[in-house]
N, C-alpha and C. Protein backbone atom coordinates (compact mmCIF):
# COMPACT_ATOMS: atom_id res chain seq x y z
N MET A 1 -6.79 80.22 57.50
CA MET A 1 -5.76 79.51 57.53
C MET A 1 -6.34 78.11 57.31
N ALA A 2 -7.19 78.11 58.34
CA ALA A 2 -7.75 76.73 58.93
C ALA A 2 -8.46 76.17 58.15
N ASN A 3 -9.25 76.86 57.21
CA ASN A 3 -10.32 76.41 56.28
C ASN A 3 -9.70 76.03 54.90
N VAL A 4 -8.48 76.64 54.77
CA VAL A 4 -7.48 76.61 53.68
C VAL A 4 -6.81 74.81 53.87
N LEU A 5 -6.02 74.88 54.92
CA LEU A 5 -5.92 73.44 55.59
C LEU A 5 -6.77 72.34 55.44
N LEU A 6 -8.10 72.87 55.90
CA LEU A 6 -9.30 71.64 55.66
C LEU A 6 -9.43 71.50 54.37
N SER A 7 -9.26 72.55 53.39
CA SER A 7 -9.86 72.36 52.35
C SER A 7 -8.90 71.47 51.46
N THR A 8 -7.47 71.89 52.11
CA THR A 8 -6.57 71.20 50.95
C THR A 8 -6.41 69.66 51.31
N SER A 9 -6.85 69.30 52.78
CA SER A 9 -6.69 67.70 53.23
C SER A 9 -7.80 67.24 52.38
N HIS A 10 -9.29 67.65 52.33
CA HIS A 10 -10.27 67.34 52.01
C HIS A 10 -9.94 66.77 50.22
N LEU A 11 -9.00 67.82 49.67
CA LEU A 11 -8.76 67.90 48.11
C LEU A 11 -7.98 66.45 47.99
N LEU A 12 -6.83 66.33 49.41
CA LEU A 12 -6.09 65.30 49.02
C LEU A 12 -6.24 64.04 49.29
N LEU A 13 -7.37 64.06 50.09
CA LEU A 13 -8.28 62.62 50.26
C LEU A 13 -9.21 62.27 49.10
N SER A 14 -9.61 63.67 48.85
CA SER A 14 -10.15 63.22 47.41
C SER A 14 -9.76 62.75 46.29
N SER A 15 -8.61 63.34 46.02
CA SER A 15 -7.54 62.83 45.14
C SER A 15 -7.04 61.30 45.07
N ASN A 16 -6.39 61.04 46.62
CA ASN A 16 -6.13 59.51 47.11
C ASN A 16 -7.20 58.62 46.39
N LYS A 17 -8.72 59.17 47.03
CA LYS A 17 -9.95 58.17 46.78
C LYS A 17 -9.65 57.84 44.90
N GLN A 18 -9.85 59.17 44.58
CA GLN A 18 -9.98 58.96 43.20
C GLN A 18 -9.20 58.00 42.49
N VAL A 19 -7.69 58.33 43.08
CA VAL A 19 -6.27 57.42 42.47
C VAL A 19 -6.52 55.66 42.77
N LYS A 20 -6.96 55.66 44.06
CA LYS A 20 -7.56 54.69 44.22
C LYS A 20 -8.46 53.83 43.52
N GLY A 21 -9.47 54.66 43.05
CA GLY A 21 -10.63 54.30 42.56
C GLY A 21 -10.02 54.01 40.77
N PHE A 22 -9.50 54.67 40.64
CA PHE A 22 -8.78 54.54 39.14
C PHE A 22 -8.08 53.11 39.37
N GLN A 23 -7.27 53.28 40.09
CA GLN A 23 -6.24 51.53 40.11
C GLN A 23 -7.08 50.54 40.26
N THR A 24 -8.28 50.54 41.03
CA THR A 24 -8.95 49.52 41.00
C THR A 24 -9.95 48.81 39.86
N ASN A 25 -10.14 50.27 38.77
CA ASN A 25 -10.51 49.99 38.00
C ASN A 25 -9.80 49.41 36.90
N ILE A 26 -8.32 49.68 36.98
CA ILE A 26 -7.74 49.49 36.24
C ILE A 26 -7.38 47.43 36.40
N GLN A 27 -7.34 47.79 37.53
CA GLN A 27 -7.23 46.31 37.85
C GLN A 27 -8.07 45.36 37.56
N ARG A 28 -9.54 45.94 37.75
CA ARG A 28 -10.43 45.15 37.25
C ARG A 28 -10.66 45.00 35.74
N SER A 29 -10.39 46.09 35.07
CA SER A 29 -10.05 45.89 33.45
C SER A 29 -9.19 45.10 33.22
N TYR A 30 -7.97 44.52 34.13
CA TYR A 30 -7.04 43.98 33.55
C TYR A 30 -7.41 42.63 33.82
N PHE A 31 -7.94 42.17 35.04
CA PHE A 31 -8.36 41.22 35.24
C PHE A 31 -9.57 40.59 34.26
N THR A 32 -10.44 41.35 33.76
CA THR A 32 -11.52 40.74 33.22
C THR A 32 -11.46 40.68 31.45
N THR A 33 -9.79 41.53 31.14
CA THR A 33 -9.54 41.48 29.88
C THR A 33 -8.51 39.69 29.98
N LYS A 34 -7.62 39.72 31.05
CA LYS A 34 -7.07 38.38 31.08
C LYS A 34 -7.96 37.31 31.20
N PHE A 35 -9.28 37.21 31.58
CA PHE A 35 -9.99 36.24 31.92
C PHE A 35 -10.46 36.17 30.37
N LEU A 36 -11.07 37.24 29.72
CA LEU A 36 -11.67 36.96 28.33
C LEU A 36 -10.68 36.25 27.16
N VAL A 37 -9.24 36.99 27.61
CA VAL A 37 -8.23 36.24 26.67
C VAL A 37 -8.04 35.09 26.86
N GLU A 38 -8.19 34.53 28.23
CA GLU A 38 -7.89 33.12 28.62
C GLU A 38 -9.12 31.96 27.97
N LYS A 39 -10.03 32.92 28.18
CA LYS A 39 -11.50 31.84 27.86
C LYS A 39 -11.14 31.74 26.16
N THR A 40 -10.93 32.98 25.36
CA THR A 40 -11.18 32.94 24.24
C THR A 40 -9.85 32.17 23.72
N SER A 41 -8.72 31.82 24.58
CA SER A 41 -7.61 30.70 24.08
C SER A 41 -8.08 29.39 24.38
N PHE A 42 -8.57 29.24 25.38
CA PHE A 42 -9.48 27.87 25.69
C PHE A 42 -10.69 27.17 24.79
N VAL A 43 -11.48 28.48 24.18
CA VAL A 43 -12.40 27.99 23.12
C VAL A 43 -11.54 27.64 21.49
N GLY A 44 -10.50 28.56 21.66
CA GLY A 44 -10.09 28.25 20.27
C GLY A 44 -9.29 26.99 20.49
N ARG A 45 -8.48 26.38 21.65
CA ARG A 45 -7.60 25.28 21.60
C ARG A 45 -9.01 24.17 21.50
N LYS A 46 -10.12 24.36 22.40
CA LYS A 46 -11.42 23.18 22.20
C LYS A 46 -11.77 23.40 20.73
N ALA A 47 -11.68 24.56 19.79
CA ALA A 47 -12.15 24.16 18.66
C ALA A 47 -11.14 23.66 17.59
N SER A 48 -10.13 24.15 18.14
CA SER A 48 -8.97 23.44 17.16
C SER A 48 -9.31 21.98 17.12
N LYS A 49 -9.23 21.24 18.48
CA LYS A 49 -9.03 20.05 18.97
C LYS A 49 -10.66 19.29 17.89
N ARG A 50 -11.45 20.02 17.82
CA ARG A 50 -12.85 19.67 17.36
C ARG A 50 -12.35 19.49 15.89
N SER A 51 -11.70 20.39 15.18
CA SER A 51 -11.17 20.99 13.80
C SER A 51 -10.13 19.64 13.48
N THR A 52 -9.46 19.51 14.21
CA THR A 52 -8.69 18.46 14.27
C THR A 52 -9.30 16.91 14.23
N GLY A 53 -10.39 16.74 15.12
CA GLY A 53 -11.11 15.48 15.59
C GLY A 53 -11.89 15.31 14.03
N CYS A 54 -12.06 16.19 13.58
CA CYS A 54 -13.19 16.44 12.53
C CYS A 54 -12.13 15.77 10.95
N ARG A 55 -11.31 16.50 10.76
CA ARG A 55 -10.16 16.31 9.92
C ARG A 55 -9.68 14.82 9.60
N PHE A 56 -9.68 14.22 11.22
CA PHE A 56 -9.21 12.77 11.49
C PHE A 56 -10.38 11.74 11.01
N LEU A 57 -11.52 12.55 11.39
CA LEU A 57 -12.91 11.50 10.96
C LEU A 57 -12.96 11.48 9.66
N VAL A 58 -12.82 12.70 8.58
CA VAL A 58 -12.87 12.23 7.15
C VAL A 58 -12.00 11.86 6.73
N SER A 59 -10.59 11.90 7.23
CA SER A 59 -9.72 10.90 6.27
C SER A 59 -9.80 9.43 7.19
N SER A 60 -10.19 9.43 7.91
CA SER A 60 -10.30 8.17 8.27
C SER A 60 -11.61 7.42 7.40
N ARG A 61 -12.41 8.27 7.39
CA ARG A 61 -13.70 7.34 6.47
C ARG A 61 -12.93 7.64 5.39
N PHE A 62 -12.53 8.38 4.46
CA PHE A 62 -11.75 8.22 3.17
C PHE A 62 -11.00 7.29 2.98
N GLY A 63 -10.25 6.83 4.14
CA GLY A 63 -9.54 5.89 4.13
C GLY A 63 -9.98 4.15 4.34
N ARG A 64 -11.21 4.28 5.03
CA ARG A 64 -12.04 3.00 4.50
C ARG A 64 -12.82 2.90 3.22
N GLU A 65 -12.93 3.79 2.82
CA GLU A 65 -14.05 3.65 1.38
C GLU A 65 -12.51 3.24 0.51
N ALA A 66 -11.55 3.98 0.70
CA ALA A 66 -10.33 3.23 -0.22
C ALA A 66 -10.10 1.80 0.08
N ASP A 67 -10.13 1.53 1.01
CA ASP A 67 -9.96 -0.04 1.22
C ASP A 67 -10.94 -0.67 1.02
N GLN A 68 -12.26 -0.36 0.92
CA GLN A 68 -13.16 -0.89 0.49
C GLN A 68 -13.24 -1.15 -1.01
N LYS A 69 -12.84 -0.44 -1.73
CA LYS A 69 -12.45 -0.33 -3.32
C LYS A 69 -12.57 -1.70 -3.80
N ILE A 70 -13.44 -1.93 -4.87
CA ILE A 70 -13.38 -3.29 -5.35
C ILE A 70 -12.53 -3.07 -6.68
N GLU A 71 -11.72 -4.32 -6.04
CA GLU A 71 -10.30 -4.40 -6.92
C GLU A 71 -10.66 -4.92 -8.65
N THR A 72 -9.98 -4.71 -9.52
CA THR A 72 -10.37 -5.18 -10.77
C THR A 72 -9.89 -6.76 -11.00
N VAL A 73 -10.51 -7.79 -11.32
CA VAL A 73 -10.06 -9.12 -11.79
C VAL A 73 -10.25 -9.35 -13.38
N ILE A 74 -8.93 -10.04 -13.32
CA ILE A 74 -8.68 -10.60 -15.06
C ILE A 74 -8.40 -11.63 -14.85
N PRO A 75 -9.25 -12.83 -15.19
CA PRO A 75 -8.95 -14.01 -15.47
C PRO A 75 -7.61 -14.67 -16.37
N ASP A 76 -6.89 -15.49 -15.39
CA ASP A 76 -5.98 -15.61 -16.56
C ASP A 76 -6.58 -16.77 -17.93
N PRO A 77 -5.47 -16.11 -18.98
CA PRO A 77 -6.23 -17.23 -20.28
C PRO A 77 -6.01 -18.83 -20.08
N ASP A 78 -6.83 -19.78 -20.62
CA ASP A 78 -6.68 -21.07 -20.57
C ASP A 78 -6.92 -21.47 -21.98
N TYR A 79 -5.80 -22.20 -22.21
CA TYR A 79 -5.68 -22.96 -23.85
C TYR A 79 -6.19 -24.20 -24.01
N ARG A 80 -6.84 -24.74 -23.07
CA ARG A 80 -7.23 -25.73 -23.23
C ARG A 80 -8.26 -26.17 -24.31
N ILE A 81 -9.40 -25.41 -24.69
CA ILE A 81 -10.20 -25.43 -25.55
C ILE A 81 -9.60 -25.51 -27.12
N PRO A 82 -8.76 -24.44 -26.94
CA PRO A 82 -8.08 -24.69 -28.68
C PRO A 82 -7.04 -25.76 -28.71
N VAL A 83 -6.33 -26.38 -27.75
CA VAL A 83 -5.42 -27.50 -27.90
C VAL A 83 -6.47 -28.50 -28.35
N VAL A 84 -7.45 -28.93 -27.54
CA VAL A 84 -8.35 -29.90 -27.61
C VAL A 84 -9.05 -29.83 -29.32
N LEU A 85 -9.12 -28.73 -29.66
CA LEU A 85 -9.71 -28.53 -31.05
C LEU A 85 -8.59 -28.99 -32.10
N LEU A 86 -7.57 -28.12 -32.05
CA LEU A 86 -6.51 -28.65 -32.94
C LEU A 86 -5.96 -30.19 -32.55
N GLY A 87 -6.35 -30.75 -31.35
CA GLY A 87 -5.60 -31.98 -31.43
C GLY A 87 -7.07 -32.86 -32.12
N LEU A 88 -8.15 -32.34 -32.04
CA LEU A 88 -9.15 -33.15 -32.82
C LEU A 88 -9.30 -33.02 -34.16
N ALA A 89 -8.61 -32.03 -34.92
CA ALA A 89 -8.69 -31.79 -36.46
C ALA A 89 -7.48 -32.78 -36.53
N GLY A 90 -6.41 -32.72 -36.09
CA GLY A 90 -5.29 -33.37 -36.03
C GLY A 90 -5.77 -34.88 -36.53
N GLY A 91 -6.37 -35.42 -35.56
CA GLY A 91 -6.96 -36.81 -35.50
C GLY A 91 -7.92 -37.23 -36.79
N LEU A 92 -8.83 -36.22 -36.91
CA LEU A 92 -9.69 -36.20 -38.11
C LEU A 92 -8.65 -36.07 -39.46
N ALA A 93 -7.62 -35.57 -39.60
CA ALA A 93 -6.82 -35.60 -40.68
C ALA A 93 -6.00 -36.93 -40.61
N TYR A 94 -5.78 -37.18 -39.60
CA TYR A 94 -4.95 -38.43 -39.85
C TYR A 94 -5.99 -39.78 -39.97
N THR A 95 -6.89 -39.65 -40.11
CA THR A 95 -7.99 -40.65 -40.48
C THR A 95 -8.47 -40.31 -41.90
N ASP A 96 -8.04 -39.23 -42.44
CA ASP A 96 -8.48 -38.71 -43.79
C ASP A 96 -9.58 -38.38 -44.14
N ASN A 97 -10.23 -37.71 -42.73
CA ASN A 97 -11.58 -36.80 -42.62
C ASN A 97 -10.90 -35.31 -42.83
N LEU A 98 -10.68 -35.13 -43.94
CA LEU A 98 -10.29 -33.74 -44.15
C LEU A 98 -11.33 -32.78 -43.99
N LEU A 99 -12.38 -32.90 -44.73
CA LEU A 99 -13.47 -32.21 -44.77
C LEU A 99 -14.12 -31.72 -43.50
N ALA A 100 -13.98 -32.68 -42.21
CA ALA A 100 -14.34 -32.57 -41.11
C ALA A 100 -13.08 -31.53 -40.05
N ALA A 101 -11.82 -31.81 -40.51
CA ALA A 101 -10.48 -31.61 -39.74
C ALA A 101 -10.41 -29.80 -40.21
N ALA A 102 -10.99 -29.53 -41.44
CA ALA A 102 -10.42 -28.24 -41.48
C ALA A 102 -11.42 -27.06 -40.96
N PRO A 103 -12.78 -27.19 -40.97
CA PRO A 103 -13.39 -26.41 -39.89
C PRO A 103 -12.90 -26.52 -38.75
N VAL A 104 -12.83 -27.43 -38.00
CA VAL A 104 -12.29 -27.62 -36.85
C VAL A 104 -11.12 -27.23 -36.43
N GLY A 105 -10.26 -27.49 -36.99
CA GLY A 105 -8.54 -26.76 -37.02
C GLY A 105 -8.82 -25.47 -37.14
N LEU A 106 -9.50 -24.74 -38.03
CA LEU A 106 -9.59 -23.49 -38.19
C LEU A 106 -10.34 -22.66 -36.88
N LEU A 107 -10.82 -23.55 -36.59
CA LEU A 107 -12.03 -22.97 -35.08
C LEU A 107 -10.29 -22.91 -33.84
N GLY A 108 -10.01 -23.83 -33.71
CA GLY A 108 -9.16 -24.21 -33.28
C GLY A 108 -7.72 -23.40 -33.07
N LEU A 109 -7.34 -22.86 -34.11
CA LEU A 109 -6.62 -21.77 -34.54
C LEU A 109 -7.07 -20.75 -33.87
N LEU A 110 -8.53 -20.25 -34.18
CA LEU A 110 -9.08 -18.89 -34.34
C LEU A 110 -9.19 -18.66 -32.96
N LEU A 111 -9.50 -19.81 -31.68
CA LEU A 111 -9.85 -19.58 -30.17
C LEU A 111 -8.09 -19.52 -30.20
N LEU A 112 -7.47 -20.07 -30.33
CA LEU A 112 -5.79 -20.29 -29.51
C LEU A 112 -5.40 -18.76 -29.99
N PHE A 113 -5.84 -17.77 -31.07
CA PHE A 113 -5.50 -16.63 -31.40
C PHE A 113 -5.95 -15.40 -30.53
N GLN A 114 -7.43 -15.78 -30.13
CA GLN A 114 -8.40 -15.18 -29.09
C GLN A 114 -7.71 -14.93 -27.90
N THR A 115 -7.38 -16.49 -27.39
CA THR A 115 -6.94 -16.72 -26.15
C THR A 115 -5.76 -15.96 -26.03
N THR A 116 -4.74 -15.68 -26.43
CA THR A 116 -3.87 -14.62 -26.21
C THR A 116 -4.00 -13.34 -26.40
N ARG A 117 -4.99 -12.99 -26.68
CA ARG A 117 -5.06 -11.19 -26.98
C ARG A 117 -6.61 -10.94 -26.09
N VAL A 118 -7.56 -11.64 -25.80
CA VAL A 118 -8.88 -11.23 -25.46
C VAL A 118 -8.79 -11.61 -24.04
N ARG A 119 -9.01 -10.69 -23.34
CA ARG A 119 -9.42 -10.72 -21.60
C ARG A 119 -10.68 -10.02 -21.48
N PHE A 120 -11.05 -10.54 -20.44
CA PHE A 120 -12.57 -10.24 -19.59
C PHE A 120 -11.93 -9.53 -18.47
N VAL A 121 -12.39 -8.33 -18.51
CA VAL A 121 -12.04 -7.18 -17.16
C VAL A 121 -13.21 -7.14 -16.19
N PHE A 122 -12.89 -7.53 -15.25
CA PHE A 122 -14.38 -6.98 -14.21
C PHE A 122 -13.78 -6.25 -13.59
N ASP A 123 -14.07 -4.97 -13.54
CA ASP A 123 -14.20 -3.71 -12.81
C ASP A 123 -15.09 -3.51 -11.53
N GLY A 124 -15.22 -2.29 -11.01
CA GLY A 124 -16.02 -2.25 -9.67
C GLY A 124 -17.54 -2.41 -9.98
N GLU A 125 -18.18 -2.19 -11.41
CA GLU A 125 -19.05 -1.86 -11.88
C GLU A 125 -19.62 -2.65 -12.97
N ALA A 126 -18.64 -3.09 -13.84
CA ALA A 126 -19.02 -3.70 -15.02
C ALA A 126 -17.77 -4.70 -15.51
N LEU A 127 -18.74 -5.50 -16.55
CA LEU A 127 -17.81 -6.78 -17.04
C LEU A 127 -17.22 -5.74 -18.46
N GLU A 128 -15.99 -6.04 -19.17
CA GLU A 128 -15.32 -5.58 -20.26
C GLU A 128 -14.65 -6.30 -21.15
N VAL A 129 -14.85 -6.34 -22.31
CA VAL A 129 -13.76 -7.03 -23.01
C VAL A 129 -12.95 -6.31 -23.67
N LYS A 130 -11.66 -6.42 -23.06
CA LYS A 130 -10.45 -5.76 -24.16
C LYS A 130 -9.60 -6.99 -24.41
N VAL A 131 -8.74 -6.04 -25.24
CA VAL A 131 -7.67 -6.88 -25.99
C VAL A 131 -5.80 -6.29 -25.80
N GLY A 132 -5.19 -7.46 -25.73
CA GLY A 132 -3.72 -6.98 -25.51
C GLY A 132 -3.29 -6.88 -24.30
N ASP A 133 -2.18 -6.89 -24.12
CA ASP A 133 -1.73 -7.05 -22.78
C ASP A 133 -1.53 -5.53 -22.14
N GLN A 134 -1.68 -4.32 -23.10
CA GLN A 134 -1.84 -3.05 -22.71
C GLN A 134 -3.80 -2.95 -22.30
N LEU A 135 -4.43 -3.79 -22.74
CA LEU A 135 -5.98 -4.04 -22.08
C LEU A 135 -6.53 -2.74 -22.85
N GLN A 136 -6.59 -2.26 -24.27
CA GLN A 136 -6.82 -1.91 -25.05
C GLN A 136 -8.08 -2.26 -25.42
N GLU A 137 -8.89 -1.04 -25.96
CA GLU A 137 -10.70 -1.02 -26.35
C GLU A 137 -11.18 -1.96 -27.18
N SER A 138 -11.51 -2.80 -27.54
CA SER A 138 -12.03 -3.79 -28.12
C SER A 138 -13.03 -3.36 -29.23
N GLY A 139 -13.61 -2.07 -28.98
CA GLY A 139 -14.48 -1.41 -30.17
C GLY A 139 -15.89 -1.79 -29.91
N GLU A 140 -16.61 -1.64 -30.88
CA GLU A 140 -18.15 -2.14 -31.06
C GLU A 140 -18.08 -3.59 -31.26
N ASN A 141 -19.30 -4.01 -30.59
CA ASN A 141 -19.42 -5.55 -30.77
C ASN A 141 -20.09 -5.94 -32.22
N VAL A 142 -19.32 -6.46 -32.86
CA VAL A 142 -19.61 -6.89 -34.17
C VAL A 142 -21.19 -7.52 -34.49
N PHE A 143 -21.79 -7.83 -33.55
CA PHE A 143 -22.60 -8.53 -33.98
C PHE A 143 -24.42 -7.70 -33.43
N VAL A 144 -24.11 -7.20 -32.20
CA VAL A 144 -25.64 -6.48 -31.93
C VAL A 144 -24.88 -4.76 -31.56
N GLY A 145 -23.52 -4.57 -31.96
CA GLY A 145 -23.08 -3.07 -31.83
C GLY A 145 -23.28 -2.80 -30.62
N GLY A 146 -22.93 -1.37 -30.05
CA GLY A 146 -22.30 -0.79 -28.66
C GLY A 146 -20.96 -1.27 -28.04
N LYS A 147 -20.53 -0.86 -26.95
CA LYS A 147 -19.41 -1.09 -26.70
C LYS A 147 -19.37 -2.20 -25.95
N ASN A 148 -18.04 -2.97 -26.07
CA ASN A 148 -18.22 -4.61 -25.01
C ASN A 148 -18.21 -4.52 -23.73
N ARG A 149 -18.88 -3.26 -23.07
CA ARG A 149 -19.11 -3.44 -21.61
C ARG A 149 -20.59 -3.39 -20.90
N TRP A 150 -20.38 -4.12 -20.31
CA TRP A 150 -21.80 -3.99 -19.52
C TRP A 150 -22.14 -4.11 -17.92
N LYS A 151 -22.91 -3.37 -17.39
CA LYS A 151 -23.00 -3.32 -15.91
C LYS A 151 -23.62 -4.33 -15.21
N TYR A 152 -22.86 -5.03 -13.93
CA TYR A 152 -23.66 -6.14 -13.90
C TYR A 152 -25.23 -5.93 -13.18
N SER A 153 -25.08 -4.52 -13.07
CA SER A 153 -26.94 -4.46 -12.57
C SER A 153 -27.55 -4.91 -13.64
N THR A 154 -27.12 -4.61 -14.98
CA THR A 154 -28.22 -5.04 -16.14
C THR A 154 -28.20 -6.62 -16.21
N PHE A 155 -27.81 -7.53 -15.50
CA PHE A 155 -27.32 -8.84 -15.64
C PHE A 155 -29.00 -9.56 -15.14
N VAL A 156 -29.41 -9.82 -16.26
CA VAL A 156 -30.83 -10.67 -15.91
C VAL A 156 -30.32 -12.08 -15.54
N ASN A 157 -29.63 -13.14 -16.46
CA ASN A 157 -29.07 -14.14 -16.05
C ASN A 157 -27.63 -14.65 -16.29
N TRP A 158 -27.29 -15.65 -16.17
CA TRP A 158 -25.87 -15.87 -16.76
C TRP A 158 -25.79 -17.78 -16.46
N GLU A 159 -25.16 -18.33 -17.11
CA GLU A 159 -24.61 -19.58 -16.80
C GLU A 159 -23.33 -20.48 -17.75
N LEU A 160 -23.03 -20.95 -16.74
CA LEU A 160 -21.25 -21.27 -17.66
C LEU A 160 -21.65 -22.88 -17.84
N TRP A 161 -21.50 -23.35 -19.24
CA TRP A 161 -21.59 -24.61 -19.43
C TRP A 161 -20.24 -25.35 -19.93
N TRP A 162 -19.79 -26.12 -19.46
CA TRP A 162 -20.29 -26.99 -18.23
C TRP A 162 -19.19 -27.13 -17.08
N PRO A 163 -19.66 -27.10 -15.80
CA PRO A 163 -18.68 -26.55 -15.07
C PRO A 163 -17.62 -27.28 -14.71
N ASN A 164 -17.50 -28.59 -15.22
CA ASN A 164 -16.30 -29.76 -15.03
C ASN A 164 -15.31 -29.03 -15.83
N PHE A 165 -15.61 -28.80 -16.90
CA PHE A 165 -14.93 -28.37 -18.39
C PHE A 165 -15.86 -26.92 -18.98
N PRO A 166 -15.55 -26.20 -18.56
CA PRO A 166 -16.42 -25.03 -19.02
C PRO A 166 -15.66 -24.77 -20.56
N ILE A 167 -17.15 -24.89 -21.42
CA ILE A 167 -16.59 -24.54 -22.68
C ILE A 167 -17.35 -23.00 -23.12
N LEU A 168 -18.53 -22.90 -22.74
CA LEU A 168 -19.15 -21.31 -23.01
C LEU A 168 -19.35 -20.83 -21.75
N VAL A 169 -19.88 -19.52 -21.89
CA VAL A 169 -20.91 -18.83 -20.95
C VAL A 169 -21.44 -17.86 -21.57
N TYR A 170 -22.31 -17.97 -20.96
CA TYR A 170 -23.74 -17.17 -21.46
C TYR A 170 -23.76 -16.40 -20.51
N PHE A 171 -24.52 -15.09 -20.82
CA PHE A 171 -25.29 -14.36 -19.76
C PHE A 171 -26.20 -13.52 -20.66
N LYS A 172 -27.50 -12.82 -20.21
CA LYS A 172 -28.61 -11.65 -20.55
C LYS A 172 -28.27 -10.68 -20.02
N GLU A 173 -28.26 -9.55 -20.53
CA GLU A 173 -28.48 -8.26 -20.12
C GLU A 173 -29.39 -7.30 -20.73
N THR A 174 -29.74 -6.21 -20.01
CA THR A 174 -30.50 -5.50 -20.37
C THR A 174 -30.13 -4.15 -20.70
N GLN A 175 -28.76 -3.70 -20.61
CA GLN A 175 -27.95 -2.43 -20.96
C GLN A 175 -28.05 -2.25 -22.63
N THR A 176 -28.08 -3.26 -23.43
CA THR A 176 -27.81 -3.15 -24.81
C THR A 176 -29.31 -2.74 -25.35
N LYS A 177 -29.98 -3.56 -24.99
CA LYS A 177 -32.09 -3.29 -25.40
C LYS A 177 -32.48 -3.88 -24.33
N PRO A 178 -34.17 -3.02 -24.07
CA PRO A 178 -34.56 -3.14 -22.95
C PRO A 178 -35.06 -4.68 -22.69
N GLU A 179 -35.61 -5.20 -23.57
CA GLU A 179 -35.97 -6.69 -23.77
C GLU A 179 -34.98 -7.66 -23.36
N GLY A 180 -33.80 -7.16 -23.35
CA GLY A 180 -32.84 -7.70 -23.23
C GLY A 180 -31.90 -8.55 -24.17
N GLN A 181 -30.66 -8.82 -24.07
CA GLN A 181 -29.37 -8.97 -25.45
C GLN A 181 -28.80 -10.37 -24.92
N VAL A 182 -28.62 -11.47 -25.36
CA VAL A 182 -28.10 -12.69 -25.24
C VAL A 182 -26.58 -12.86 -25.80
N HIS A 183 -25.84 -13.33 -24.77
CA HIS A 183 -24.04 -13.14 -25.24
C HIS A 183 -23.60 -14.27 -25.14
N PHE A 184 -22.95 -15.37 -25.94
CA PHE A 184 -21.89 -16.22 -25.65
C PHE A 184 -20.35 -15.97 -25.99
N PHE A 185 -19.80 -16.27 -24.98
CA PHE A 185 -18.33 -16.61 -25.16
C PHE A 185 -18.04 -17.83 -24.96
N PRO A 186 -16.68 -18.21 -26.03
CA PRO A 186 -16.06 -19.58 -25.36
C PRO A 186 -15.40 -19.26 -24.03
N VAL A 187 -15.37 -20.17 -23.05
CA VAL A 187 -14.39 -20.10 -22.19
C VAL A 187 -13.10 -20.13 -22.34
N ILE A 188 -11.99 -19.36 -22.86
CA ILE A 188 -10.72 -19.11 -23.19
C ILE A 188 -10.11 -18.64 -21.93
N PHE A 189 -11.05 -18.51 -20.99
CA PHE A 189 -10.10 -18.17 -19.48
C PHE A 189 -9.89 -19.07 -18.50
N ASN A 190 -9.51 -18.83 -17.43
CA ASN A 190 -9.59 -19.95 -16.25
C ASN A 190 -10.98 -20.20 -15.26
N GLY A 191 -11.37 -21.04 -16.01
CA GLY A 191 -12.97 -21.42 -15.76
C GLY A 191 -13.22 -21.21 -14.24
N LYS A 192 -12.23 -21.35 -13.24
CA LYS A 192 -13.06 -21.24 -11.64
C LYS A 192 -12.70 -19.73 -11.24
N GLN A 193 -11.52 -19.25 -12.05
CA GLN A 193 -11.55 -17.65 -11.81
C GLN A 193 -12.97 -17.00 -12.67
N LEU A 194 -13.29 -17.49 -13.47
CA LEU A 194 -14.68 -16.51 -14.33
C LEU A 194 -16.03 -16.71 -13.59
N TYR A 195 -15.82 -18.09 -13.08
CA TYR A 195 -17.29 -18.54 -12.17
C TYR A 195 -17.39 -17.95 -11.06
N ASP A 196 -16.20 -17.88 -10.08
CA ASP A 196 -16.02 -16.87 -8.99
C ASP A 196 -16.41 -15.72 -9.11
N THR A 197 -15.63 -14.92 -10.19
CA THR A 197 -15.78 -13.25 -10.18
C THR A 197 -17.25 -13.26 -10.61
N MET A 198 -17.97 -13.98 -11.56
CA MET A 198 -19.38 -13.65 -11.64
C MET A 198 -20.25 -13.76 -10.70
N VAL A 199 -20.00 -14.85 -9.73
CA VAL A 199 -20.96 -14.91 -8.63
C VAL A 199 -21.10 -13.94 -7.71
N GLU A 200 -19.63 -13.40 -7.63
CA GLU A 200 -19.55 -12.05 -6.75
C GLU A 200 -20.14 -10.76 -7.50
N ARG A 201 -19.60 -10.64 -8.63
CA ARG A 201 -20.04 -9.28 -9.29
C ARG A 201 -21.92 -9.50 -9.52
N ALA A 202 -22.17 -10.38 -10.33
CA ALA A 202 -23.44 -10.66 -11.07
C ALA A 202 -24.29 -11.62 -9.88
N GLY A 203 -24.11 -12.27 -9.13
CA GLY A 203 -25.02 -12.74 -8.41
C GLY A 203 -24.95 -14.43 -9.11
N PRO A 204 -25.15 -15.20 -7.91
CA PRO A 204 -25.23 -16.60 -8.30
C PRO A 204 -26.08 -17.21 -9.62
N SER A 205 -25.65 -18.20 -9.90
CA SER A 205 -25.98 -18.80 -11.07
C SER A 205 -26.80 -19.94 -10.69
N LYS A 206 -27.58 -20.65 -11.79
CA LYS A 206 -28.07 -21.91 -11.61
C LYS A 206 -26.98 -23.15 -11.41
N THR A 207 -26.23 -22.84 -12.31
CA THR A 207 -25.20 -24.06 -12.39
C THR A 207 -24.15 -24.21 -11.02
N SER A 208 -23.37 -25.43 -11.01
CA SER A 208 -22.54 -24.97 -10.03
C SER A 208 -20.99 -24.97 -10.97
N GLY A 209 -19.86 -24.69 -9.85
CA GLY A 209 -18.68 -23.77 -10.02
C GLY A 209 -18.01 -25.16 -10.69
N PRO A 210 -16.81 -24.93 -11.55
CA PRO A 210 -16.02 -25.81 -11.90
C PRO A 210 -15.11 -26.41 -10.78
N LYS A 211 -14.76 -27.57 -10.74
CA LYS A 211 -13.76 -28.13 -9.81
C LYS A 211 -12.73 -27.90 -9.66
N GLN A 212 -12.06 -28.14 -8.68
CA GLN A 212 -10.84 -27.46 -8.57
C GLN A 212 -9.63 -28.43 -9.57
């Protein structure tokens, strides 16, 4: 009987130890799991913050690039040259010099018409000749062929004659042909705007800019 009691007592003690050991293991597992969950959550929050920071950095960079985008410049039309030519033609006709008045008058009328429709468009990388208020394509160049659009990087030289009363703008580019192609255009645009934009986009000229 004593042996049975001792055995039962030993079994109960052993069972209690096992139960306590099992509870201890459960508690350890719980705290370990809780620590891992909290650590994962903390790492996740840090990763989320880094991700948000990266998105903000990328957005900021794209925003700065958008702000730094070069705007398109279109110099205003200037009617001074056609008006002067038409006035000269009128003066020649008044003095009965019709032979000289006719070509001067025709040139004045042509430039007057061109002033109302032709535009120099300076975008971020090139100068392009367009026509009309809707800035339509001007087609191929009637003299040398190719599109009337030339990249600033191909400009070899350019000049504006004459600075105080601009009449002609000249530039030479290597886009049309490697040895260089020369272009002349009457200044039927605001001379100062034209000069300042050419300096900004194509580099400085040897001539001084038109005065205010």
